[in-house]
Amino acid sequence: MSSQLNELRLQLERLDYDNKEGVIAMDILKEQNADLTNDIEELRKTLAELRAAQKEGASADDKEKRKAEKMALMMAKFDTVSVSLVSETARIRSLVIP
């Protein structure tokens, strides 16, 4: 009977030790999980900032492209008008100066 009691005490001590190890392991995992959660939040914020910056950059690029297109269109119109004026001036000169 006493040997059985000693054996049960040993088993109880082992279970108590295993339980304490489990609690320690659980605490470590909780800390690691909290650290990883914080890292994920930081990465999400950084990603959101990068996306916003990319949209702003794309918007600026679009504005520059539209500005360049408008300028090219204005220059093309100016060239057409200047060619018309030169040819009209030459025609008038030919009529006025024989």
N, C-alpha and C. Protein backbone atom coordinates (compact mmCIF):
# COMPACT_ATOMS: atom_id res chain seq x y z
N MET A 1 0.81 -1.18 0.00
CA MET A 1 0.00 0.00 0.00
C MET A 1 0.87 1.27 0.00
N SER A 2 1.89 1.26 0.82
CA SER A 2 2.76 2.43 0.90
C SER A 2 3.51 2.63 -0.40
N SER A 3 3.87 1.55 -1.09
CA SER A 3 4.55 1.70 -2.39
C SER A 3 3.59 2.31 -3.42
N GLN A 4 2.36 1.92 -3.38
CA GLN A 4 1.36 2.51 -4.28
C GLN A 4 1.18 3.99 -3.99
N LEU A 5 1.17 4.33 -2.70
CA LEU A 5 1.02 5.73 -2.31
C LEU A 5 2.22 6.55 -2.80
N ASN A 6 3.42 5.99 -2.65
CA ASN A 6 4.61 6.68 -3.15
C ASN A 6 4.57 6.83 -4.68
N GLU A 7 4.12 5.80 -5.33
CA GLU A 7 4.02 5.85 -6.78
C GLU A 7 3.00 6.90 -7.22
N LEU A 8 1.86 6.99 -6.54
CA LEU A 8 0.86 8.01 -6.85
C LEU A 8 1.40 9.41 -6.57
N ARG A 9 2.18 9.58 -5.50
CA ARG A 9 2.78 10.88 -5.20
C ARG A 9 3.75 11.28 -6.31
N LEU A 10 4.53 10.31 -6.78
CA LEU A 10 5.47 10.59 -7.88
C LEU A 10 4.71 11.00 -9.14
N GLN A 11 3.64 10.30 -9.44
CA GLN A 11 2.84 10.64 -10.61
C GLN A 11 2.24 12.05 -10.46
N LEU A 12 1.78 12.35 -9.24
CA LEU A 12 1.22 13.68 -8.97
C LEU A 12 2.29 14.76 -9.16
N GLU A 13 3.49 14.53 -8.68
CA GLU A 13 4.59 15.49 -8.85
C GLU A 13 4.94 15.67 -10.33
N ARG A 14 4.95 14.56 -11.08
CA ARG A 14 5.21 14.66 -12.52
C ARG A 14 4.13 15.47 -13.23
N LEU A 15 2.88 15.19 -12.88
CA LEU A 15 1.78 15.94 -13.49
C LEU A 15 1.85 17.43 -13.13
N ASP A 16 2.20 17.71 -11.88
CA ASP A 16 2.34 19.10 -11.45
C ASP A 16 3.47 19.78 -12.22
N TYR A 17 4.59 19.09 -12.38
CA TYR A 17 5.73 19.62 -13.13
C TYR A 17 5.35 19.84 -14.60
N ASP A 18 4.67 18.85 -15.20
CA ASP A 18 4.24 18.99 -16.60
C ASP A 18 3.26 20.16 -16.76
N ASN A 19 2.40 20.33 -15.76
CA ASN A 19 1.45 21.43 -15.80
C ASN A 19 2.19 22.77 -15.75
N LYS A 20 3.18 22.89 -14.87
CA LYS A 20 3.96 24.13 -14.78
C LYS A 20 4.70 24.40 -16.09
N GLU A 21 5.26 23.37 -16.70
CA GLU A 21 5.93 23.54 -17.99
C GLU A 21 4.94 24.00 -19.06
N GLY A 22 3.75 23.43 -19.03
CA GLY A 22 2.72 23.82 -19.98
C GLY A 22 2.32 25.27 -19.82
N VAL A 23 2.20 25.72 -18.57
CA VAL A 23 1.84 27.11 -18.30
C VAL A 23 2.94 28.04 -18.81
N ILE A 24 4.20 27.67 -18.57
CA ILE A 24 5.32 28.48 -19.05
C ILE A 24 5.33 28.54 -20.58
N ALA A 25 5.14 27.39 -21.20
CA ALA A 25 5.11 27.34 -22.66
C ALA A 25 3.96 28.18 -23.20
N MET A 26 2.81 28.12 -22.54
CA MET A 26 1.65 28.91 -22.97
C MET A 26 1.95 30.39 -22.85
N ASP A 27 2.59 30.82 -21.77
CA ASP A 27 2.95 32.23 -21.60
C ASP A 27 3.91 32.69 -22.70
N ILE A 28 4.88 31.85 -23.01
CA ILE A 28 5.84 32.19 -24.08
C ILE A 28 5.11 32.33 -25.42
N LEU A 29 4.22 31.40 -25.70
CA LEU A 29 3.46 31.47 -26.96
C LEU A 29 2.56 32.70 -27.01
N LYS A 30 1.97 33.08 -25.88
CA LYS A 30 1.14 34.28 -25.84
C LYS A 30 1.98 35.52 -26.14
N GLU A 31 3.17 35.60 -25.57
CA GLU A 31 4.07 36.73 -25.82
C GLU A 31 4.48 36.78 -27.30
N GLN A 32 4.83 35.61 -27.84
CA GLN A 32 5.22 35.56 -29.25
C GLN A 32 4.05 35.97 -30.15
N ASN A 33 2.85 35.53 -29.79
CA ASN A 33 1.67 35.88 -30.57
C ASN A 33 1.42 37.38 -30.51
N ALA A 34 1.58 37.98 -29.34
CA ALA A 34 1.40 39.43 -29.21
C ALA A 34 2.44 40.18 -30.05
N ASP A 35 3.69 39.72 -30.01
CA ASP A 35 4.74 40.35 -30.81
C ASP A 35 4.43 40.26 -32.30
N LEU A 36 4.01 39.08 -32.74
CA LEU A 36 3.68 38.90 -34.15
C LEU A 36 2.47 39.73 -34.57
N THR A 37 1.49 39.85 -33.67
CA THR A 37 0.32 40.68 -33.96
C THR A 37 0.74 42.13 -34.13
N ASN A 38 1.63 42.60 -33.25
CA ASN A 38 2.13 43.97 -33.38
C ASN A 38 2.89 44.16 -34.69
N ASP A 39 3.71 43.19 -35.05
CA ASP A 39 4.45 43.26 -36.31
C ASP A 39 3.50 43.33 -37.50
N ILE A 40 2.45 42.52 -37.46
CA ILE A 40 1.47 42.52 -38.55
C ILE A 40 0.78 43.88 -38.65
N GLU A 41 0.42 44.47 -37.51
CA GLU A 41 -0.23 45.78 -37.52
C GLU A 41 0.70 46.84 -38.11
N GLU A 42 1.97 46.79 -37.73
CA GLU A 42 2.94 47.74 -38.27
C GLU A 42 3.08 47.57 -39.78
N LEU A 43 3.13 46.32 -40.24
CA LEU A 43 3.23 46.05 -41.67
C LEU A 43 1.98 46.53 -42.42
N ARG A 44 0.82 46.35 -41.80
CA ARG A 44 -0.42 46.82 -42.44
C ARG A 44 -0.41 48.34 -42.57
N LYS A 45 0.03 49.02 -41.52
CA LYS A 45 0.11 50.48 -41.58
C LYS A 45 1.09 50.92 -42.66
N THR A 46 2.24 50.27 -42.71
CA THR A 46 3.24 50.61 -43.72
C THR A 46 2.69 50.36 -45.12
N LEU A 47 2.01 49.25 -45.29
CA LEU A 47 1.41 48.92 -46.59
C LEU A 47 0.37 49.96 -46.98
N ALA A 48 -0.46 50.36 -46.04
CA ALA A 48 -1.47 51.38 -46.32
C ALA A 48 -0.81 52.70 -46.71
N GLU A 49 0.25 53.07 -46.01
CA GLU A 49 0.98 54.30 -46.34
C GLU A 49 1.59 54.21 -47.73
N LEU A 50 2.17 53.06 -48.05
CA LEU A 50 2.78 52.88 -49.37
C LEU A 50 1.73 52.93 -50.47
N ARG A 51 0.58 52.33 -50.23
CA ARG A 51 -0.49 52.37 -51.22
C ARG A 51 -0.97 53.80 -51.43
N ALA A 52 -1.11 54.54 -50.34
CA ALA A 52 -1.55 55.94 -50.45
C ALA A 52 -0.51 56.75 -51.22
N ALA A 53 0.75 56.53 -50.91
CA ALA A 53 1.82 57.26 -51.61
C ALA A 53 1.84 56.89 -53.08
N GLN A 54 1.61 55.63 -53.38
CA GLN A 54 1.59 55.19 -54.78
C GLN A 54 0.44 55.84 -55.52
N LYS A 55 -0.73 55.93 -54.88
CA LYS A 55 -1.87 56.58 -55.51
C LYS A 55 -1.58 58.05 -55.76
N GLU A 56 -0.96 58.70 -54.78
CA GLU A 56 -0.60 60.11 -54.94
C GLU A 56 0.39 60.28 -56.08
N GLY A 57 1.37 59.38 -56.15
CA GLY A 57 2.36 59.43 -57.23
C GLY A 57 1.71 59.20 -58.58
N ALA A 58 0.79 58.25 -58.64
CA ALA A 58 0.09 57.97 -59.90
C ALA A 58 -0.76 59.17 -60.29
N SER A 59 -1.38 59.79 -59.31
CA SER A 59 -2.20 60.96 -59.58
C SER A 59 -1.34 62.10 -60.12
N ALA A 60 -0.17 62.29 -59.54
CA ALA A 60 0.76 63.33 -60.02
C ALA A 60 1.24 62.99 -61.43
N ASP A 61 1.52 61.72 -61.68
CA ASP A 61 1.94 61.30 -63.01
C ASP A 61 0.83 61.56 -64.04
N ASP A 62 -0.41 61.26 -63.66
CA ASP A 62 -1.54 61.51 -64.56
C ASP A 62 -1.67 62.99 -64.86
N LYS A 63 -1.50 63.82 -63.84
CA LYS A 63 -1.58 65.27 -64.05
C LYS A 63 -0.49 65.73 -65.01
N GLU A 64 0.72 65.20 -64.82
CA GLU A 64 1.82 65.57 -65.71
C GLU A 64 1.55 65.13 -67.14
N LYS A 65 1.01 63.94 -67.30
CA LYS A 65 0.69 63.45 -68.64
C LYS A 65 -0.37 64.33 -69.30
N ARG A 66 -1.42 64.67 -68.56
CA ARG A 66 -2.47 65.52 -69.12
C ARG A 66 -1.92 66.90 -69.48
N LYS A 67 -1.06 67.41 -68.62
CA LYS A 67 -0.45 68.72 -68.90
C LYS A 67 0.39 68.66 -70.17
N ALA A 68 1.18 67.59 -70.32
CA ALA A 68 2.01 67.44 -71.51
C ALA A 68 1.14 67.29 -72.76
N GLU A 69 0.04 66.54 -72.65
CA GLU A 69 -0.86 66.38 -73.79
C GLU A 69 -1.49 67.72 -74.19
N LYS A 70 -1.92 68.49 -73.19
CA LYS A 70 -2.51 69.80 -73.48
C LYS A 70 -1.48 70.71 -74.14
N MET A 71 -0.27 70.68 -73.62
CA MET A 71 0.79 71.52 -74.18
C MET A 71 1.08 71.12 -75.62
N ALA A 72 1.13 69.83 -75.89
CA ALA A 72 1.38 69.35 -77.26
C ALA A 72 0.25 69.78 -78.19
N LEU A 73 -0.98 69.69 -77.70
CA LEU A 73 -2.13 70.10 -78.51
C LEU A 73 -2.07 71.60 -78.79
N MET A 74 -1.73 72.40 -77.78
CA MET A 74 -1.61 73.84 -77.97
C MET A 74 -0.50 74.17 -78.96
N MET A 75 0.61 73.47 -78.85
CA MET A 75 1.73 73.70 -79.77
C MET A 75 1.35 73.32 -81.20
N ALA A 76 0.61 72.24 -81.33
CA ALA A 76 0.18 71.82 -82.67
C ALA A 76 -0.75 72.87 -83.27
N LYS A 77 -1.66 73.40 -82.47
CA LYS A 77 -2.54 74.45 -82.95
C LYS A 77 -1.74 75.70 -83.29
N PHE A 78 -0.78 76.03 -82.46
CA PHE A 78 0.05 77.21 -82.70
C PHE A 78 0.83 77.05 -83.99
N ASP A 79 1.40 75.87 -84.21
CA ASP A 79 2.14 75.61 -85.45
C ASP A 79 1.23 75.75 -86.66
N THR A 80 0.02 75.25 -86.58
CA THR A 80 -0.93 75.34 -87.68
C THR A 80 -1.28 76.79 -87.96
N VAL A 81 -1.54 77.54 -86.89
CA VAL A 81 -1.88 78.95 -87.04
C VAL A 81 -0.70 79.72 -87.61
N SER A 82 0.51 79.46 -87.12
CA SER A 82 1.68 80.19 -87.61
C SER A 82 1.97 79.86 -89.08
N VAL A 83 1.78 78.63 -89.48
CA VAL A 83 1.97 78.26 -90.89
C VAL A 83 0.93 78.98 -91.75
N SER A 84 -0.31 79.05 -91.25
CA SER A 84 -1.37 79.75 -91.99
C SER A 84 -1.04 81.23 -92.11
N LEU A 85 -0.56 81.83 -91.02
CA LEU A 85 -0.21 83.25 -91.05
C LEU A 85 0.94 83.53 -92.00
N VAL A 86 1.95 82.66 -92.00
CA VAL A 86 3.09 82.86 -92.90
C VAL A 86 2.65 82.75 -94.35
N SER A 87 1.84 81.75 -94.63
CA SER A 87 1.39 81.58 -96.02
C SER A 87 0.47 82.73 -96.42
N GLU A 88 -0.37 83.20 -95.50
CA GLU A 88 -1.26 84.33 -95.79
C GLU A 88 -0.45 85.61 -95.99
N THR A 89 0.57 85.80 -95.16
CA THR A 89 1.44 86.97 -95.31
C THR A 89 2.17 86.93 -96.65
N ALA A 90 2.66 85.79 -97.03
CA ALA A 90 3.34 85.65 -98.32
C ALA A 90 2.37 85.93 -99.46
N ARG A 91 1.15 85.48 -99.38
CA ARG A 91 0.15 85.71 -100.42
C ARG A 91 -0.16 87.21 -100.53
N ILE A 92 -0.31 87.85 -99.37
CA ILE A 92 -0.61 89.29 -99.37
C ILE A 92 0.56 90.06 -99.96
N ARG A 93 1.76 89.70 -99.59
CA ARG A 93 2.94 90.39 -100.13
C ARG A 93 3.02 90.22 -101.65
N SER A 94 2.68 89.04 -102.10
CA SER A 94 2.76 88.83 -103.54
C SER A 94 1.72 89.66 -104.28
N LEU A 95 0.61 89.95 -103.64
CA LEU A 95 -0.43 90.79 -104.25
C LEU A 95 -0.05 92.26 -104.18
N VAL A 96 0.54 92.65 -103.05
CA VAL A 96 0.85 94.06 -102.84
C VAL A 96 2.13 94.42 -103.58
N ILE A 97 3.13 93.65 -103.51
CA ILE A 97 4.41 93.93 -104.14
C ILE A 97 4.48 93.12 -105.45
N PRO A 98 4.43 93.84 -106.60
CA PRO A 98 4.47 93.11 -107.86
C PRO A 98 5.85 92.74 -108.29
